[in-house]
PDB file of N, CA and C in Angstrom:
ATOM      1  N   MET A   1     -21.436 -51.343  -1.027  1.00  0.00           N
ATOM      2  CA  MET A   1     -20.024 -50.882  -1.380  1.00  0.00           C
ATOM      3  C   MET A   1     -19.743 -51.419  -2.809  1.00  0.00           C
ATOM      4  N   SER A   2     -19.182 -50.517  -3.527  1.00  0.00           N
ATOM      5  CA  SER A   2     -18.843 -50.839  -4.934  1.00  0.00           C
ATOM      6  C   SER A   2     -17.698 -51.806  -4.971  1.00  0.00           C
ATOM      7  N   ILE A   3     -17.628 -52.501  -6.104  1.00  0.00           N
ATOM      8  CA  ILE A   3     -16.447 -53.327  -6.359  1.00  0.00           C
ATOM      9  C   ILE A   3     -15.162 -52.629  -6.441  1.00  0.00           C
ATOM     10  N   THR A   4     -15.218 -51.508  -6.944  1.00  0.00           N
ATOM     11  CA  THR A   4     -13.998 -50.739  -7.111  1.00  0.00           C
ATOM     12  C   THR A   4     -13.404 -50.289  -5.749  1.00  0.00           C
ATOM     13  N   SER A   5     -14.270 -49.976  -4.841  1.00  0.00           N
ATOM     14  CA  SER A   5     -13.867 -49.595  -3.450  1.00  0.00           C
ATOM     15  C   SER A   5     -13.232 -50.789  -2.725  1.00  0.00           C
ATOM     16  N   LYS A   6     -13.787 -52.037  -3.016  1.00  0.00           N
ATOM     17  CA  LYS A   6     -13.293 -53.211  -2.356  1.00  0.00           C
ATOM     18  C   LYS A   6     -11.941 -53.578  -2.916  1.00  0.00           C
ATOM     19  N   ILE A   7     -11.843 -53.391  -4.226  1.00  0.00           N
ATOM     20  CA  ILE A   7     -10.450 -53.583  -4.885  1.00  0.00           C
ATOM     21  C   ILE A   7      -9.424 -52.605  -4.265  1.00  0.00           C
ATOM     22  N   ALA A   8      -9.816 -51.370  -4.231  1.00  0.00           N
ATOM     23  CA  ALA A   8      -8.997 -50.399  -3.748  1.00  0.00           C
ATOM     24  C   ALA A   8      -8.513 -50.647  -2.227  1.00  0.00           C
ATOM     25  N   HIS A   9      -9.321 -51.132  -1.410  1.00  0.00           N
ATOM     26  CA  HIS A   9      -9.070 -51.488  -0.034  1.00  0.00           C
ATOM     27  C   HIS A   9      -8.014 -52.647  -0.006  1.00  0.00           C
ATOM     28  N   THR A  10      -8.330 -53.589  -0.852  1.00  0.00           N
ATOM     29  CA  THR A  10      -7.521 -54.832  -0.914  1.00  0.00           C
ATOM     30  C   THR A  10      -6.092 -54.453  -1.422  1.00  0.00           C
ATOM     31  N   ALA A  11      -6.148 -53.527  -2.393  1.00  0.00           N
ATOM     32  CA  ALA A  11      -4.794 -53.178  -2.998  1.00  0.00           C
ATOM     33  C   ALA A  11      -4.018 -52.309  -1.945  1.00  0.00           C
ATOM     34  N   GLU A  12      -4.717 -51.492  -1.095  1.00  0.00           N
ATOM     35  CA  GLU A  12      -3.919 -50.806  -0.049  1.00  0.00           C
ATOM     36  C   GLU A  12      -3.397 -51.719   0.939  1.00  0.00           C
ATOM     37  N   THR A  13      -4.041 -52.840   1.258  1.00  0.00           N
ATOM     38  CA  THR A  13      -3.576 -53.831   2.215  1.00  0.00           C
ATOM     39  C   THR A  13      -2.327 -54.531   1.672  1.00  0.00           C
ATOM     40  N   ALA A  14      -2.419 -54.895   0.342  1.00  0.00           N
ATOM     41  CA  ALA A  14      -1.385 -55.544  -0.333  1.00  0.00           C
ATOM     42  C   ALA A  14      -0.170 -54.663  -0.449  1.00  0.00           C
ATOM     43  N   LYS A  15      -0.412 -53.383  -0.791  1.00  0.00           N
ATOM     44  CA  LYS A  15       0.743 -52.438  -0.876  1.00  0.00           C
ATOM     45  C   LYS A  15       1.522 -52.326   0.499  1.00  0.00           C
ATOM     46  N   GLY A  16       0.650 -52.282   1.512  1.00  0.00           N
ATOM     47  CA  GLY A  16       1.260 -52.187   2.813  1.00  0.00           C
ATOM     48  C   GLY A  16       2.110 -53.400   3.254  1.00  0.00           C
ATOM     49  N   GLY A  17       1.628 -54.574   2.815  1.00  0.00           N
ATOM     50  CA  GLY A  17       2.296 -55.792   3.088  1.00  0.00           C
ATOM     51  C   GLY A  17       3.710 -55.810   2.261  1.00  0.00           C
ATOM     52  N   ALA A  18       3.599 -55.369   1.026  1.00  0.00           N
ATOM     53  CA  ALA A  18       4.791 -55.334   0.208  1.00  0.00           C
ATOM     54  C   ALA A  18       5.822 -54.322   0.740  1.00  0.00           C
ATOM     55  N   LYS A  19       5.289 -53.212   1.111  1.00  0.00           N
ATOM     56  CA  LYS A  19       6.195 -52.138   1.703  1.00  0.00           C
ATOM     57  C   LYS A  19       6.899 -52.592   3.026  1.00  0.00           C
ATOM     58  N   ARG A  20       6.074 -53.319   3.792  1.00  0.00           N
ATOM     59  CA  ARG A  20       6.573 -53.821   4.988  1.00  0.00           C
ATOM     60  C   ARG A  20       7.685 -54.924   4.772  1.00  0.00           C
ATOM     61  N   MET A  21       7.478 -55.832   3.772  1.00  0.00           N
ATOM     62  CA  MET A  21       8.417 -56.803   3.428  1.00  0.00           C
ATOM     63  C   MET A  21       9.647 -56.285   2.833  1.00  0.00           C
ATOM     64  N   PHE A  22       9.625 -55.278   2.052  1.00  0.00           N
ATOM     65  CA  PHE A  22      10.655 -54.588   1.440  1.00  0.00           C
ATOM     66  C   PHE A  22      11.478 -53.871   2.586  1.00  0.00           C
ATOM     67  N   GLY A  23      10.849 -53.343   3.500  1.00  0.00           N
ATOM     68  CA  GLY A  23      11.515 -52.713   4.667  1.00  0.00           C
ATOM     69  C   GLY A  23      12.260 -53.738   5.518  1.00  0.00           C
ATOM     70  N   ARG A  24      11.645 -54.841   5.601  1.00  0.00           N
ATOM     71  CA  ARG A  24      12.282 -55.906   6.381  1.00  0.00           C
ATOM     72  C   ARG A  24      13.557 -56.361   5.646  1.00  0.00           C
ATOM     73  N   LEU A  25      13.451 -56.459   4.360  1.00  0.00           N
ATOM     74  CA  LEU A  25      14.641 -56.982   3.535  1.00  0.00           C
ATOM     75  C   LEU A  25      15.777 -55.951   3.512  1.00  0.00           C
ATOM     76  N   THR A  26      15.375 -54.738   3.450  1.00  0.00           N
ATOM     77  CA  THR A  26      16.423 -53.725   3.371  1.00  0.00           C
ATOM     78  C   THR A  26      16.917 -53.168   4.757  1.00  0.00           C
ATOM     79  N   GLY A  27      16.151 -53.649   5.807  1.00  0.00           N
ATOM     80  CA  GLY A  27      16.478 -53.183   7.152  1.00  0.00           C
ATOM     81  C   GLY A  27      15.900 -51.679   7.478  1.00  0.00           C
ATOM     82  N   SER A  28      15.097 -51.284   6.636  1.00  0.00           N
ATOM     83  CA  SER A  28      14.484 -49.862   6.899  1.00  0.00           C
ATOM     84  C   SER A  28      13.423 -49.958   7.853  1.00  0.00           C
ATOM     85  N   ARG A  29      13.474 -49.256   9.034  1.00  0.00           N
ATOM     86  CA  ARG A  29      12.441 -49.181   9.972  1.00  0.00           C
ATOM     87  C   ARG A  29      11.303 -48.351   9.472  1.00  0.00           C
ATOM     88  N   ARG A  30      11.603 -47.281   8.665  1.00  0.00           N
ATOM     89  CA  ARG A  30      10.608 -46.412   8.113  1.00  0.00           C
ATOM     90  C   ARG A  30       9.650 -47.220   7.300  1.00  0.00           C
ATOM     91  N   LEU A  31      10.209 -47.903   6.452  1.00  0.00           N
ATOM     92  CA  LEU A  31       9.351 -48.607   5.447  1.00  0.00           C
ATOM     93  C   LEU A  31       8.466 -49.684   6.089  1.00  0.00           C
ATOM     94  N   ARG A  32       9.008 -50.355   7.139  1.00  0.00           N
ATOM     95  CA  ARG A  32       8.241 -51.297   7.870  1.00  0.00           C
ATOM     96  C   ARG A  32       7.168 -50.709   8.538  1.00  0.00           C
ATOM     97  N   THR A  33       7.478 -49.527   9.168  1.00  0.00           N
ATOM     98  CA  THR A  33       6.376 -48.825   9.795  1.00  0.00           C
ATOM     99  C   THR A  33       5.282 -48.309   9.014  1.00  0.00           C
ATOM    100  N   GLU A  34       5.745 -47.772   7.895  1.00  0.00           N
ATOM    101  CA  GLU A  34       4.814 -47.291   6.882  1.00  0.00           C
ATOM    102  C   GLU A  34       3.895 -48.399   6.291  1.00  0.00           C
ATOM    103  N   GLY A  35       4.546 -49.525   6.074  1.00  0.00           N
ATOM    104  CA  GLY A  35       3.859 -50.777   5.544  1.00  0.00           C
ATOM    105  C   GLY A  35       2.827 -51.251   6.576  1.00  0.00           C
ATOM    106  N   ARG A  36       3.176 -51.276   7.802  1.00  0.00           N
ATOM    107  CA  ARG A  36       2.188 -51.674   8.829  1.00  0.00           C
ATOM    108  C   ARG A  36       0.996 -50.692   8.899  1.00  0.00           C
ATOM    109  N   ALA A  37       1.293 -49.428   8.783  1.00  0.00           N
ATOM    110  CA  ALA A  37       0.214 -48.476   8.865  1.00  0.00           C
ATOM    111  C   ALA A  37      -0.675 -48.635   7.595  1.00  0.00           C
ATOM    112  N   ASP A  38      -0.109 -48.720   6.461  1.00  0.00           N
ATOM    113  CA  ASP A  38      -0.953 -48.889   5.274  1.00  0.00           C
ATOM    114  C   ASP A  38      -1.749 -50.197   5.282  1.00  0.00           C
ATOM    115  N   GLN A  39      -1.136 -51.160   5.783  1.00  0.00           N
ATOM    116  CA  GLN A  39      -1.851 -52.532   5.857  1.00  0.00           C
ATOM    117  C   GLN A  39      -3.032 -52.400   6.810  1.00  0.00           C
ATOM    118  N   ALA A  40      -2.783 -51.713   8.032  1.00  0.00           N
ATOM    119  CA  ALA A  40      -3.953 -51.533   8.987  1.00  0.00           C
ATOM    120  C   ALA A  40      -4.930 -50.683   8.476  1.00  0.00           C
ATOM    121  N   LYS A  41      -4.608 -49.573   7.646  1.00  0.00           N
ATOM    122  CA  LYS A  41      -5.607 -48.844   7.117  1.00  0.00           C
ATOM    123  C   LYS A  41      -6.574 -49.543   6.150  1.00  0.00           C
ATOM    124  N   GLY A  42      -5.983 -50.444   5.291  1.00  0.00           N
ATOM    125  CA  GLY A  42      -6.678 -51.251   4.385  1.00  0.00           C
ATOM    126  C   GLY A  42      -7.479 -52.193   5.034  1.00  0.00           C
ATOM    127  N   ASP A  43      -6.957 -52.827   6.163  1.00  0.00           N
ATOM    128  CA  ASP A  43      -7.705 -53.888   6.928  1.00  0.00           C
ATOM    129  C   ASP A  43      -8.953 -53.144   7.433  1.00  0.00           C
ATOM    130  N   ILE A  44      -8.841 -51.972   8.151  1.00  0.00           N
ATOM    131  CA  ILE A  44      -9.868 -51.232   8.704  1.00  0.00           C
ATOM    132  C   ILE A  44     -11.061 -50.795   7.763  1.00  0.00           C
ATOM    133  N   LYS A  45     -10.545 -50.363   6.521  1.00  0.00           N
ATOM    134  CA  LYS A  45     -11.470 -50.013   5.472  1.00  0.00           C
ATOM    135  C   LYS A  45     -12.296 -51.221   5.035  1.00  0.00           C
ATOM    136  N   GLN A  46     -11.597 -52.322   4.962  1.00  0.00           N
ATOM    137  CA  GLN A  46     -12.284 -53.584   4.509  1.00  0.00           C
ATOM    138  C   GLN A  46     -13.237 -54.076   5.530  1.00  0.00           C
ATOM    139  N   ALA A  47     -12.989 -53.929   6.839  1.00  0.00           N
ATOM    140  CA  ALA A  47     -13.956 -54.273   7.923  1.00  0.00           C
ATOM    141  C   ALA A  47     -15.132 -53.366   7.873  1.00  0.00           C
ATOM    142  N   GLY A  48     -14.842 -52.040   7.677  1.00  0.00           N
ATOM    143  CA  GLY A  48     -16.035 -51.129   7.635  1.00  0.00           C
ATOM    144  C   GLY A  48     -16.881 -51.415   6.507  1.00  0.00           C
ATOM    145  N   ALA A  49     -16.359 -51.757   5.360  1.00  0.00           N
ATOM    146  CA  ALA A  49     -17.087 -52.093   4.295  1.00  0.00           C
ATOM    147  C   ALA A  49     -18.001 -53.339   4.389  1.00  0.00           C
ATOM    148  N   LYS A  50     -17.405 -54.299   5.142  1.00  0.00           N
ATOM    149  CA  LYS A  50     -18.143 -55.554   5.366  1.00  0.00           C
ATOM    150  C   LYS A  50     -19.380 -55.227   6.341  1.00  0.00           C
ATOM    151  N   ILE A  51     -19.101 -54.389   7.320  1.00  0.00           N
ATOM    152  CA  ILE A  51     -20.088 -53.987   8.319  1.00  0.00           C
ATOM    153  C   ILE A  51     -21.266 -53.298   7.569  1.00  0.00           C
ATOM    154  N   LYS A  52     -20.803 -52.312   6.728  1.00  0.00           N
ATOM    155  CA  LYS A  52     -21.785 -51.597   6.001  1.00  0.00           C
ATOM    156  C   LYS A  52     -22.750 -52.459   5.121  1.00  0.00           C
ATOM    157  N   ASP A  53     -22.034 -53.399   4.413  1.00  0.00           N
ATOM    158  CA  ASP A  53     -22.736 -54.393   3.565  1.00  0.00           C
ATOM    159  C   ASP A  53     -23.667 -55.292   4.340  1.00  0.00           C
ATOM    160  N   ALA A  54     -23.265 -55.640   5.613  1.00  0.00           N
ATOM    161  CA  ALA A  54     -24.057 -56.471   6.385  1.00  0.00           C
ATOM    162  C   ALA A  54     -25.364 -55.755   6.897  1.00  0.00           C
ATOM    163  N   SER A  55     -25.097 -54.487   7.172  1.00  0.00           N
ATOM    164  CA  SER A  55     -26.317 -53.756   7.746  1.00  0.00           C
ATOM    165  C   SER A  55     -27.356 -53.434   6.623  1.00  0.00           C
ATOM    166  N   GLY A  56     -26.925 -53.475   5.439  1.00  0.00           N
ATOM    167  CA  GLY A  56     -27.909 -53.262   4.388  1.00  0.00           C
ATOM    168  C   GLY A  56     -28.067 -51.857   3.898  1.00  0.00           C
ATOM    169  N   HIS A  57     -27.043 -51.026   4.194  1.00  0.00           N
ATOM    170  CA  HIS A  57     -27.053 -49.611   3.848  1.00  0.00           C
ATOM    171  C   HIS A  57     -26.281 -49.400   2.588  1.00  0.00           C
TER     172      HIS A  57
END
């Protein structure tokens, strides 16, 4: 996995966390939900990249 992909996955997770926190501060359920979804997508992509790296492909 390339370093740019790893950075992109980490950025997506961070973006989700920020969006979730902003939703919590403003009381926006939509932002909290979107933030959780973005964060989960980033986490899943990071896990997939780690598995791919570990398998040697």
